[in-house]
């Protein structure tokens, strides 16, 4: 169907480029400003999005921030000084929505990355980063083309690139270099 390896990766890179180029610089910059000024950063997402957020959480630790995956055994309580970063393509994932409602009760700042800015989770959030990655499951806007990749793969790939870009911006914001982050890398391996 997609032919060669080259055709497959070219399709993937092209789709990601098309999505990332539509992300609002202002939404990302506002989120970075909040992240670097928060006390603790909590992250939540279901399935593959949760795994991608684990990777981002590690980089936040390397940047010197207090970062926690919701549900992990070392996760402290959330407060009004803290940030919850949410990744939900649909913005309606029930398990994630419950966590967002709890964070809102504690007046935490909620940053949601979603393909559905009109979703329940987005409306509960302080800030929304619109990542307009459609899927074969559901489109968020009629003007966006459907991904040729299965299910929510394009959102997940674009989420990873978006978060990696945010790491570079946070490095600039905090005036850190790669060597500074490397000093915080685990040595128990």
N, C-alpha and C. Protein backbone atom coordinates (compact mmCIF):
# COMPACT_ATOMS: atom_id res chain seq x y z
N UNK A 1 0.82 -1.19 0.00
CA UNK A 1 0.00 0.00 0.00
C UNK A 1 0.86 1.27 0.00
N UNK A 2 1.88 1.31 0.87
CA UNK A 2 2.75 2.49 0.92
C UNK A 2 4.06 2.24 0.20
N UNK A 3 4.23 1.02 -0.27
CA UNK A 3 5.42 0.71 -1.05
C UNK A 3 6.66 0.58 -0.20
N UNK A 4 7.64 1.35 -0.53
CA UNK A 4 8.96 1.22 0.07
C UNK A 4 9.06 1.89 1.44
N UNK A 5 10.15 1.56 2.12
CA UNK A 5 10.50 2.21 3.38
C UNK A 5 10.60 3.71 3.17
N UNK A 6 11.25 4.13 2.08
CA UNK A 6 11.40 5.56 1.79
C UNK A 6 10.05 6.25 1.65
N UNK A 7 9.12 5.63 0.96
CA UNK A 7 7.78 6.20 0.82
C UNK A 7 7.09 6.33 2.18
N UNK A 8 7.26 5.32 3.03
CA UNK A 8 6.61 5.32 4.35
C UNK A 8 7.16 6.44 5.22
N UNK A 9 8.49 6.53 5.35
CA UNK A 9 9.02 7.58 6.22
C UNK A 9 8.81 8.96 5.62
N UNK A 10 8.80 9.08 4.31
CA UNK A 10 8.51 10.37 3.69
C UNK A 10 7.09 10.83 4.00
N UNK A 11 6.15 9.91 3.96
CA UNK A 11 4.77 10.22 4.32
C UNK A 11 4.69 10.69 5.77
N UNK A 12 5.34 9.97 6.67
CA UNK A 12 5.31 10.31 8.10
C UNK A 12 5.90 11.69 8.35
N UNK A 13 7.07 11.96 7.80
CA UNK A 13 7.73 13.25 7.99
C UNK A 13 6.89 14.38 7.40
N UNK A 14 6.32 14.14 6.26
CA UNK A 14 5.47 15.15 5.62
C UNK A 14 4.24 15.47 6.47
N UNK A 15 3.60 14.44 7.00
CA UNK A 15 2.42 14.66 7.83
C UNK A 15 2.78 15.41 9.11
N UNK A 16 3.87 15.01 9.76
CA UNK A 16 4.29 15.69 10.99
C UNK A 16 4.61 17.16 10.71
N UNK A 17 5.35 17.42 9.66
CA UNK A 17 5.71 18.80 9.28
C UNK A 17 4.46 19.64 9.08
N UNK A 18 3.47 19.06 8.40
CA UNK A 18 2.22 19.78 8.16
C UNK A 18 1.50 20.14 9.44
N UNK A 19 1.55 19.28 10.43
CA UNK A 19 0.87 19.53 11.71
C UNK A 19 1.67 20.52 12.56
N UNK A 20 2.94 20.25 12.76
CA UNK A 20 3.77 21.10 13.63
C UNK A 20 3.81 22.54 13.13
N UNK A 21 3.79 22.73 11.83
CA UNK A 21 3.85 24.08 11.28
C UNK A 21 2.60 24.90 11.61
N UNK A 22 1.53 24.25 12.03
CA UNK A 22 0.28 24.94 12.35
C UNK A 22 0.12 25.25 13.85
N UNK A 23 1.05 24.78 14.67
CA UNK A 23 0.97 25.02 16.11
C UNK A 23 1.26 26.49 16.41
N UNK A 24 0.49 27.07 17.30
CA UNK A 24 0.64 28.48 17.66
C UNK A 24 1.88 28.70 18.52
N UNK A 25 2.76 29.54 18.05
CA UNK A 25 3.97 29.89 18.81
C UNK A 25 3.58 30.54 20.14
N UNK A 26 2.54 31.35 20.14
CA UNK A 26 2.09 32.00 21.36
C UNK A 26 1.61 30.98 22.39
N UNK A 27 0.84 30.00 21.97
CA UNK A 27 0.36 28.97 22.90
C UNK A 27 1.53 28.20 23.51
N UNK A 28 2.53 27.90 22.68
CA UNK A 28 3.71 27.17 23.17
C UNK A 28 4.52 28.06 24.11
N UNK A 29 4.78 29.31 23.73
CA UNK A 29 5.57 30.22 24.57
C UNK A 29 4.89 30.48 25.91
N UNK A 30 3.58 30.67 25.91
CA UNK A 30 2.85 30.86 27.17
C UNK A 30 3.00 29.64 28.07
N UNK A 31 2.94 28.46 27.47
CA UNK A 31 3.09 27.23 28.25
C UNK A 31 4.49 27.10 28.82
N UNK A 32 5.50 27.42 28.03
CA UNK A 32 6.89 27.34 28.52
C UNK A 32 7.11 28.32 29.66
N UNK A 33 6.60 29.54 29.51
CA UNK A 33 6.75 30.52 30.59
C UNK A 33 6.16 29.99 31.88
N UNK A 34 5.02 29.34 31.80
CA UNK A 34 4.39 28.81 33.00
C UNK A 34 5.18 27.63 33.57
N UNK A 35 5.65 26.75 32.69
CA UNK A 35 6.42 25.57 33.12
C UNK A 35 7.66 25.98 33.89
N UNK A 36 8.42 26.95 33.38
CA UNK A 36 9.68 27.31 34.04
C UNK A 36 9.44 28.06 35.35
N UNK A 37 8.22 28.51 35.59
CA UNK A 37 7.92 29.23 36.83
C UNK A 37 7.06 28.44 37.81
N UNK A 38 6.75 27.21 37.49
CA UNK A 38 5.93 26.38 38.37
C UNK A 38 6.75 25.72 39.45
N UNK A 39 6.08 25.30 40.51
CA UNK A 39 6.76 24.59 41.60
C UNK A 39 6.99 23.13 41.21
N UNK A 40 5.91 22.42 40.92
CA UNK A 40 5.98 21.03 40.49
C UNK A 40 5.22 20.89 39.18
N UNK A 41 5.69 19.97 38.35
CA UNK A 41 5.04 19.72 37.07
C UNK A 41 4.56 18.27 37.08
N UNK A 42 3.25 18.11 36.89
CA UNK A 42 2.63 16.79 36.82
C UNK A 42 2.22 16.55 35.37
N UNK A 43 2.30 15.29 34.93
CA UNK A 43 1.96 14.98 33.55
C UNK A 43 1.02 13.78 33.51
N UNK A 44 0.01 13.87 32.63
CA UNK A 44 -0.93 12.77 32.48
C UNK A 44 -1.39 12.63 31.04
N UNK A 45 -1.45 11.40 30.61
CA UNK A 45 -1.96 11.03 29.29
C UNK A 45 -2.18 9.54 29.28
N UNK A 46 -3.10 9.08 28.47
CA UNK A 46 -3.41 7.65 28.40
C UNK A 46 -2.65 6.99 27.25
N UNK A 47 -2.34 5.73 27.42
CA UNK A 47 -1.73 4.94 26.34
C UNK A 47 -0.40 5.48 25.87
N UNK A 48 -0.24 5.54 24.55
CA UNK A 48 1.02 5.99 23.95
C UNK A 48 1.32 7.44 24.29
N UNK A 49 0.28 8.25 24.47
CA UNK A 49 0.51 9.65 24.86
C UNK A 49 1.14 9.72 26.25
N UNK A 50 0.71 8.83 27.13
CA UNK A 50 1.31 8.75 28.46
C UNK A 50 2.78 8.38 28.40
N UNK A 51 3.12 7.49 27.51
CA UNK A 51 4.53 7.09 27.34
C UNK A 51 5.36 8.25 26.82
N UNK A 52 4.82 9.00 25.88
CA UNK A 52 5.53 10.18 25.36
C UNK A 52 5.72 11.21 26.46
N UNK A 53 4.72 11.38 27.31
CA UNK A 53 4.85 12.32 28.43
C UNK A 53 5.89 11.85 29.44
N UNK A 54 6.08 10.55 29.58
CA UNK A 54 7.14 10.05 30.45
C UNK A 54 8.51 10.51 29.95
N UNK A 55 8.68 10.48 28.65
CA UNK A 55 9.93 10.95 28.04
C UNK A 55 10.13 12.44 28.32
N UNK A 56 9.07 13.22 28.17
CA UNK A 56 9.13 14.66 28.45
C UNK A 56 9.42 14.91 29.93
N UNK A 57 8.80 14.12 30.80
CA UNK A 57 9.05 14.25 32.24
C UNK A 57 10.52 14.06 32.57
N UNK A 58 11.15 13.09 31.90
CA UNK A 58 12.58 12.86 32.13
C UNK A 58 13.38 14.09 31.72
N UNK A 59 13.06 14.68 30.59
CA UNK A 59 13.79 15.88 30.16
C UNK A 59 13.54 17.05 31.11
N UNK A 60 12.34 17.15 31.64
CA UNK A 60 12.07 18.21 32.62
C UNK A 60 12.95 18.02 33.85
N UNK A 61 13.13 16.77 34.27
CA UNK A 61 14.05 16.49 35.39
C UNK A 61 15.48 16.87 35.02
N UNK A 62 15.88 16.56 33.81
CA UNK A 62 17.22 16.93 33.35
C UNK A 62 17.40 18.44 33.33
N UNK A 63 16.29 19.16 33.09
CA UNK A 63 16.33 20.63 33.12
C UNK A 63 16.35 21.18 34.55
N UNK A 64 16.16 20.31 35.53
CA UNK A 64 16.20 20.73 36.92
C UNK A 64 14.83 21.01 37.54
N UNK A 65 13.75 20.64 36.84
CA UNK A 65 12.40 20.86 37.36
C UNK A 65 11.92 19.64 38.14
N UNK A 66 11.01 19.87 39.06
CA UNK A 66 10.35 18.78 39.77
C UNK A 66 9.23 18.27 38.85
N UNK A 67 9.36 17.05 38.38
CA UNK A 67 8.44 16.51 37.39
C UNK A 67 7.94 15.14 37.83
N UNK A 68 6.62 14.93 37.70
CA UNK A 68 6.00 13.69 38.18
C UNK A 68 4.96 13.17 37.19
N UNK A 69 4.95 11.88 37.00
CA UNK A 69 3.91 11.23 36.21
C UNK A 69 2.77 10.90 37.17
N UNK A 70 1.57 11.38 36.84
CA UNK A 70 0.40 11.11 37.67
C UNK A 70 0.21 9.60 37.79
N UNK A 71 0.01 9.15 39.02
CA UNK A 71 -0.19 7.73 39.29
C UNK A 71 1.06 6.98 39.69
N UNK A 72 2.23 7.62 39.53
CA UNK A 72 3.46 6.94 39.94
C UNK A 72 3.56 6.96 41.46
N UNK A 73 4.31 6.05 42.00
CA UNK A 73 4.37 5.87 43.45
C UNK A 73 5.00 7.06 44.17
N UNK A 74 5.83 7.85 43.49
CA UNK A 74 6.49 8.99 44.14
C UNK A 74 5.79 10.32 43.84
N UNK A 75 4.56 10.27 43.38
CA UNK A 75 3.82 11.48 42.99
C UNK A 75 3.27 12.19 44.23
N UNK A 76 3.72 13.42 44.49
CA UNK A 76 3.22 14.16 45.66
C UNK A 76 1.84 14.76 45.37
N UNK A 77 1.21 15.40 46.37
CA UNK A 77 -0.07 16.06 46.12
C UNK A 77 0.11 17.30 45.24
N UNK A 78 -0.91 17.62 44.49
CA UNK A 78 -0.88 18.81 43.63
C UNK A 78 -1.44 19.99 44.40
N UNK A 79 -0.95 21.20 44.07
CA UNK A 79 -1.42 22.42 44.74
C UNK A 79 -1.59 23.53 43.71
N UNK A 80 -2.01 24.67 44.19
CA UNK A 80 -2.23 25.83 43.31
C UNK A 80 -0.92 26.40 42.75
N UNK A 81 0.22 25.99 43.28
CA UNK A 81 1.52 26.44 42.77
C UNK A 81 2.02 25.55 41.63
N UNK A 82 1.29 24.49 41.34
CA UNK A 82 1.76 23.46 40.43
C UNK A 82 1.08 23.51 39.07
N UNK A 83 1.62 22.72 38.16
CA UNK A 83 1.13 22.63 36.79
C UNK A 83 0.81 21.18 36.48
N UNK A 84 -0.31 20.98 35.81
CA UNK A 84 -0.63 19.67 35.25
C UNK A 84 -0.58 19.80 33.73
N UNK A 85 0.28 19.01 33.10
CA UNK A 85 0.34 18.98 31.64
C UNK A 85 -0.40 17.73 31.18
N UNK A 86 -1.36 17.95 30.29
CA UNK A 86 -2.25 16.90 29.82
C UNK A 86 -2.05 16.72 28.32
N UNK A 87 -2.00 15.47 27.87
CA UNK A 87 -2.02 15.18 26.44
C UNK A 87 -3.22 14.29 26.18
N UNK A 88 -4.15 14.80 25.39
CA UNK A 88 -5.33 14.03 25.01
C UNK A 88 -5.79 14.49 23.64
N UNK A 89 -5.64 13.65 22.66
CA UNK A 89 -6.04 14.00 21.31
C UNK A 89 -7.51 14.40 21.25
N UNK A 90 -8.36 13.58 21.82
CA UNK A 90 -9.80 13.85 21.79
C UNK A 90 -10.22 14.89 22.81
N UNK A 91 -9.47 14.99 23.90
CA UNK A 91 -9.86 15.87 25.00
C UNK A 91 -11.04 15.34 25.79
N UNK A 92 -11.35 14.08 25.58
CA UNK A 92 -12.50 13.46 26.24
C UNK A 92 -12.15 12.15 26.93
N UNK A 93 -10.88 11.78 26.99
CA UNK A 93 -10.47 10.53 27.62
C UNK A 93 -10.92 10.51 29.07
N UNK A 94 -11.79 9.58 29.43
CA UNK A 94 -12.46 9.62 30.74
C UNK A 94 -11.48 9.54 31.91
N UNK A 95 -10.47 8.67 31.84
CA UNK A 95 -9.53 8.55 32.96
C UNK A 95 -8.72 9.83 33.14
N UNK A 96 -8.39 10.48 32.04
CA UNK A 96 -7.63 11.74 32.09
C UNK A 96 -8.53 12.87 32.58
N UNK A 97 -9.78 12.87 32.15
CA UNK A 97 -10.72 13.92 32.55
C UNK A 97 -10.90 13.95 34.07
N UNK A 98 -10.94 12.79 34.71
CA UNK A 98 -11.06 12.72 36.17
C UNK A 98 -9.87 13.40 36.84
N UNK A 99 -8.67 13.14 36.33
CA UNK A 99 -7.45 13.75 36.89
C UNK A 99 -7.50 15.27 36.71
N UNK A 100 -7.93 15.74 35.57
CA UNK A 100 -8.02 17.17 35.30
C UNK A 100 -9.02 17.83 36.26
N UNK A 101 -10.14 17.18 36.50
CA UNK A 101 -11.14 17.72 37.43
C UNK A 101 -10.58 17.84 38.85
N UNK A 102 -9.79 16.86 39.26
CA UNK A 102 -9.16 16.91 40.59
C UNK A 102 -8.16 18.05 40.65
N UNK A 103 -7.31 18.18 39.64
CA UNK A 103 -6.31 19.26 39.60
C UNK A 103 -6.99 20.62 39.63
N UNK A 104 -8.10 20.74 38.95
CA UNK A 104 -8.84 22.01 38.93
C UNK A 104 -9.38 22.34 40.32
N UNK A 105 -9.84 21.33 41.05
CA UNK A 105 -10.32 21.55 42.43
C UNK A 105 -9.22 22.12 43.33
N UNK A 106 -7.97 21.75 43.03
CA UNK A 106 -6.84 22.24 43.82
C UNK A 106 -6.21 23.49 43.21
N UNK A 107 -6.88 24.07 42.23
CA UNK A 107 -6.44 25.32 41.58
C UNK A 107 -5.08 25.23 40.91
N UNK A 108 -4.72 24.04 40.45
CA UNK A 108 -3.48 23.89 39.69
C UNK A 108 -3.66 24.52 38.31
N UNK A 109 -2.57 24.96 37.73
CA UNK A 109 -2.57 25.47 36.37
C UNK A 109 -2.57 24.25 35.44
N UNK A 110 -3.52 24.18 34.53
CA UNK A 110 -3.67 23.01 33.66
C UNK A 110 -3.37 23.41 32.22
N UNK A 111 -2.36 22.76 31.64
CA UNK A 111 -1.98 22.98 30.25
C UNK A 111 -2.35 21.71 29.48
N UNK A 112 -3.24 21.85 28.52
CA UNK A 112 -3.67 20.70 27.74
C UNK A 112 -3.21 20.82 26.30
N UNK A 113 -2.63 19.74 25.81
CA UNK A 113 -2.25 19.63 24.40
C UNK A 113 -3.27 18.69 23.78
N UNK A 114 -4.01 19.19 22.79
CA UNK A 114 -5.13 18.43 22.24
C UNK A 114 -5.39 18.79 20.78
N UNK A 115 -6.05 17.88 20.10
CA UNK A 115 -6.51 18.15 18.73
C UNK A 115 -7.95 18.66 18.76
N UNK A 116 -8.51 18.77 19.96
CA UNK A 116 -9.90 19.18 20.09
C UNK A 116 -10.02 20.30 21.12
N UNK A 117 -9.78 21.55 20.72
CA UNK A 117 -9.80 22.66 21.68
C UNK A 117 -11.18 22.99 22.23
N UNK A 118 -12.21 22.36 21.70
CA UNK A 118 -13.57 22.55 22.21
C UNK A 118 -13.98 21.43 23.16
N UNK A 119 -13.06 20.55 23.50
CA UNK A 119 -13.36 19.38 24.32
C UNK A 119 -13.59 19.75 25.78
N UNK A 120 -14.10 18.79 26.53
CA UNK A 120 -14.33 18.97 27.97
C UNK A 120 -13.03 19.28 28.69
N UNK A 121 -11.99 18.51 28.41
CA UNK A 121 -10.70 18.71 29.09
C UNK A 121 -10.13 20.08 28.75
N UNK A 122 -10.20 20.48 27.49
CA UNK A 122 -9.70 21.80 27.09
C UNK A 122 -10.44 22.91 27.82
N UNK A 123 -11.74 22.77 27.96
CA UNK A 123 -12.53 23.81 28.64
C UNK A 123 -12.23 23.88 30.13
N UNK A 124 -11.74 22.80 30.72
CA UNK A 124 -11.35 22.80 32.13
C UNK A 124 -9.94 23.37 32.34
N UNK A 125 -9.21 23.57 31.27
CA UNK A 125 -7.80 23.93 31.32
C UNK A 125 -7.56 25.43 31.38
N UNK A 126 -6.42 25.80 31.95
CA UNK A 126 -5.98 27.20 32.00
C UNK A 126 -5.42 27.63 30.65
N UNK A 127 -4.72 26.70 29.99
CA UNK A 127 -4.09 26.96 28.70
C UNK A 127 -4.28 25.74 27.82
N UNK A 128 -4.40 25.99 26.52
CA UNK A 128 -4.54 24.91 25.55
C UNK A 128 -3.53 25.13 24.44
N UNK A 129 -2.81 24.07 24.10
CA UNK A 129 -1.96 24.07 22.91
C UNK A 129 -2.68 23.19 21.90
N UNK A 130 -3.13 23.81 20.83
CA UNK A 130 -3.87 23.10 19.79
C UNK A 130 -2.88 22.43 18.86
N UNK A 131 -2.90 21.11 18.87
CA UNK A 131 -2.06 20.29 18.00
C UNK A 131 -3.00 19.64 16.98
N UNK A 132 -3.15 20.26 15.80
CA UNK A 132 -4.22 19.88 14.87
C UNK A 132 -3.96 18.60 14.09
N UNK A 133 -3.62 17.54 14.80
CA UNK A 133 -3.34 16.25 14.16
C UNK A 133 -4.61 15.42 14.12
N UNK A 134 -5.10 15.21 12.93
CA UNK A 134 -6.27 14.37 12.77
C UNK A 134 -5.87 12.91 12.87
N UNK A 135 -6.85 12.06 12.94
CA UNK A 135 -6.58 10.62 13.00
C UNK A 135 -7.56 9.89 12.11
N UNK A 136 -7.35 8.61 11.98
CA UNK A 136 -8.30 7.81 11.23
C UNK A 136 -9.54 7.54 12.07
N UNK A 137 -9.48 7.91 13.35
CA UNK A 137 -10.61 7.68 14.25
C UNK A 137 -11.63 8.81 14.14
N UNK A 138 -11.17 10.04 14.23
CA UNK A 138 -12.08 11.19 14.25
C UNK A 138 -11.31 12.43 13.84
N UNK A 139 -11.93 13.29 13.08
CA UNK A 139 -11.30 14.56 12.74
C UNK A 139 -11.82 15.63 13.67
N UNK A 140 -11.03 16.65 13.91
CA UNK A 140 -11.43 17.74 14.79
C UNK A 140 -11.93 18.94 14.02
N UNK A 141 -11.52 19.09 12.81
CA UNK A 141 -11.94 20.21 11.97
C UNK A 141 -12.11 19.67 10.55
N UNK A 142 -13.15 20.10 9.88
CA UNK A 142 -13.41 19.62 8.53
C UNK A 142 -12.30 19.99 7.55
N UNK A 143 -11.58 21.08 7.82
CA UNK A 143 -10.57 21.55 6.88
C UNK A 143 -9.27 20.75 6.93
N UNK A 144 -9.10 19.89 7.93
CA UNK A 144 -7.87 19.12 8.03
C UNK A 144 -8.02 17.78 7.32
N UNK A 145 -6.95 17.36 6.68
CA UNK A 145 -7.00 16.08 5.99
C UNK A 145 -6.79 14.94 6.98
N UNK A 146 -7.29 13.80 6.62
CA UNK A 146 -7.16 12.60 7.46
C UNK A 146 -5.76 12.03 7.29
N UNK A 147 -5.17 11.61 8.39
CA UNK A 147 -3.86 10.98 8.33
C UNK A 147 -3.96 9.62 7.65
N UNK A 148 -2.94 9.26 6.94
CA UNK A 148 -2.88 7.93 6.33
C UNK A 148 -2.35 6.91 7.33
N UNK A 149 -1.84 7.38 8.46
CA UNK A 149 -1.32 6.49 9.49
C UNK A 149 -2.47 6.00 10.38
N UNK A 150 -2.29 4.88 11.04
CA UNK A 150 -3.39 4.33 11.83
C UNK A 150 -3.70 5.14 13.10
N UNK A 151 -4.96 5.16 13.42
CA UNK A 151 -5.51 5.68 14.65
C UNK A 151 -4.97 7.06 15.00
N UNK A 152 -4.36 7.24 16.17
CA UNK A 152 -3.88 8.55 16.61
C UNK A 152 -2.37 8.70 16.48
N UNK A 153 -1.77 7.92 15.61
CA UNK A 153 -0.31 7.92 15.45
C UNK A 153 0.23 9.31 15.13
N UNK A 154 -0.41 10.03 14.22
CA UNK A 154 0.09 11.35 13.84
C UNK A 154 0.09 12.31 15.03
N UNK A 155 -0.94 12.27 15.85
CA UNK A 155 -0.97 13.12 17.04
C UNK A 155 0.20 12.76 17.95
N UNK A 156 0.40 11.47 18.17
CA UNK A 156 1.46 11.01 19.07
C UNK A 156 2.85 11.42 18.57
N UNK A 157 3.10 11.25 17.28
CA UNK A 157 4.39 11.64 16.70
C UNK A 157 4.58 13.15 16.82
N UNK A 158 3.54 13.90 16.50
CA UNK A 158 3.62 15.36 16.55
C UNK A 158 3.78 15.84 17.99
N UNK A 159 3.14 15.15 18.92
CA UNK A 159 3.28 15.48 20.35
C UNK A 159 4.74 15.35 20.77
N UNK A 160 5.39 14.26 20.37
CA UNK A 160 6.79 14.07 20.74
C UNK A 160 7.66 15.20 20.20
N UNK A 161 7.47 15.56 18.93
CA UNK A 161 8.27 16.63 18.32
C UNK A 161 7.97 17.97 19.01
N UNK A 162 6.70 18.23 19.28
CA UNK A 162 6.33 19.46 19.99
C UNK A 162 7.03 19.55 21.34
N UNK A 163 6.98 18.47 22.11
CA UNK A 163 7.59 18.48 23.45
C UNK A 163 9.11 18.60 23.37
N UNK A 164 9.72 17.96 22.40
CA UNK A 164 11.18 18.09 22.24
C UNK A 164 11.55 19.52 21.88
N UNK A 165 10.72 20.17 21.08
CA UNK A 165 10.94 21.59 20.75
C UNK A 165 10.82 22.45 22.00
N UNK A 166 9.86 22.10 22.86
CA UNK A 166 9.67 22.84 24.11
C UNK A 166 10.88 22.67 25.04
N UNK A 167 11.51 21.50 25.00
CA UNK A 167 12.73 21.28 25.79
C UNK A 167 13.81 22.26 25.35
N UNK A 168 14.01 22.39 24.04
CA UNK A 168 15.02 23.32 23.54
C UNK A 168 14.70 24.76 23.94
N UNK A 169 13.42 25.13 23.88
CA UNK A 169 13.03 26.48 24.29
C UNK A 169 13.25 26.68 25.79
N UNK A 170 12.94 25.66 26.58
CA UNK A 170 13.16 25.76 28.04
C UNK A 170 14.65 25.87 28.34
N UNK A 171 15.49 25.19 27.56
CA UNK A 171 16.94 25.33 27.73
C UNK A 171 17.35 26.78 27.50
N UNK A 172 16.85 27.39 26.44
CA UNK A 172 17.15 28.80 26.18
C UNK A 172 16.64 29.69 27.30
N UNK A 173 15.43 29.43 27.71
CA UNK A 173 14.78 30.25 28.74
C UNK A 173 15.57 30.21 30.05
N UNK A 174 16.10 29.04 30.38
CA UNK A 174 16.84 28.87 31.64
C UNK A 174 18.36 28.99 31.45
N UNK A 175 18.77 29.33 30.21
CA UNK A 175 20.19 29.51 29.87
C UNK A 175 21.03 28.28 30.19
N UNK A 176 20.51 27.11 29.81
CA UNK A 176 21.23 25.86 30.02
C UNK A 176 21.72 25.29 28.69
N UNK A 177 22.79 24.54 28.80
CA UNK A 177 23.35 23.85 27.64
C UNK A 177 23.17 22.34 27.84
N UNK A 178 23.45 21.58 26.80
CA UNK A 178 23.30 20.12 26.87
C UNK A 178 24.11 19.53 28.02
N UNK A 179 25.30 20.08 28.29
CA UNK A 179 26.13 19.59 29.39
C UNK A 179 25.45 19.76 30.75
N UNK A 180 24.70 20.85 30.91
CA UNK A 180 23.98 21.07 32.17
C UNK A 180 22.95 19.98 32.39
N UNK A 181 22.24 19.61 31.34
CA UNK A 181 21.23 18.56 31.45
C UNK A 181 21.89 17.21 31.70
N UNK A 182 23.01 16.97 31.04
CA UNK A 182 23.71 15.69 31.18
C UNK A 182 24.15 15.44 32.62
N UNK A 183 24.45 16.51 33.36
CA UNK A 183 24.87 16.37 34.77
C UNK A 183 23.74 15.81 35.64
N UNK A 184 22.49 15.97 35.17
CA UNK A 184 21.33 15.48 35.95
C UNK A 184 20.83 14.13 35.44
N UNK A 185 21.53 13.56 34.45
CA UNK A 185 21.16 12.25 33.93
C UNK A 185 21.50 11.19 34.95
N UNK A 186 20.69 10.15 35.03
CA UNK A 186 20.94 9.09 36.01
C UNK A 186 22.34 8.49 35.81
N UNK A 187 22.93 8.09 36.92
CA UNK A 187 24.20 7.38 36.85
C UNK A 187 24.04 5.94 37.37
N UNK A 188 22.81 5.54 37.59
CA UNK A 188 22.53 4.18 38.07
C UNK A 188 22.11 3.29 36.90
N UNK A 189 22.98 3.20 35.90
CA UNK A 189 22.71 2.30 34.77
C UNK A 189 23.96 1.59 34.33
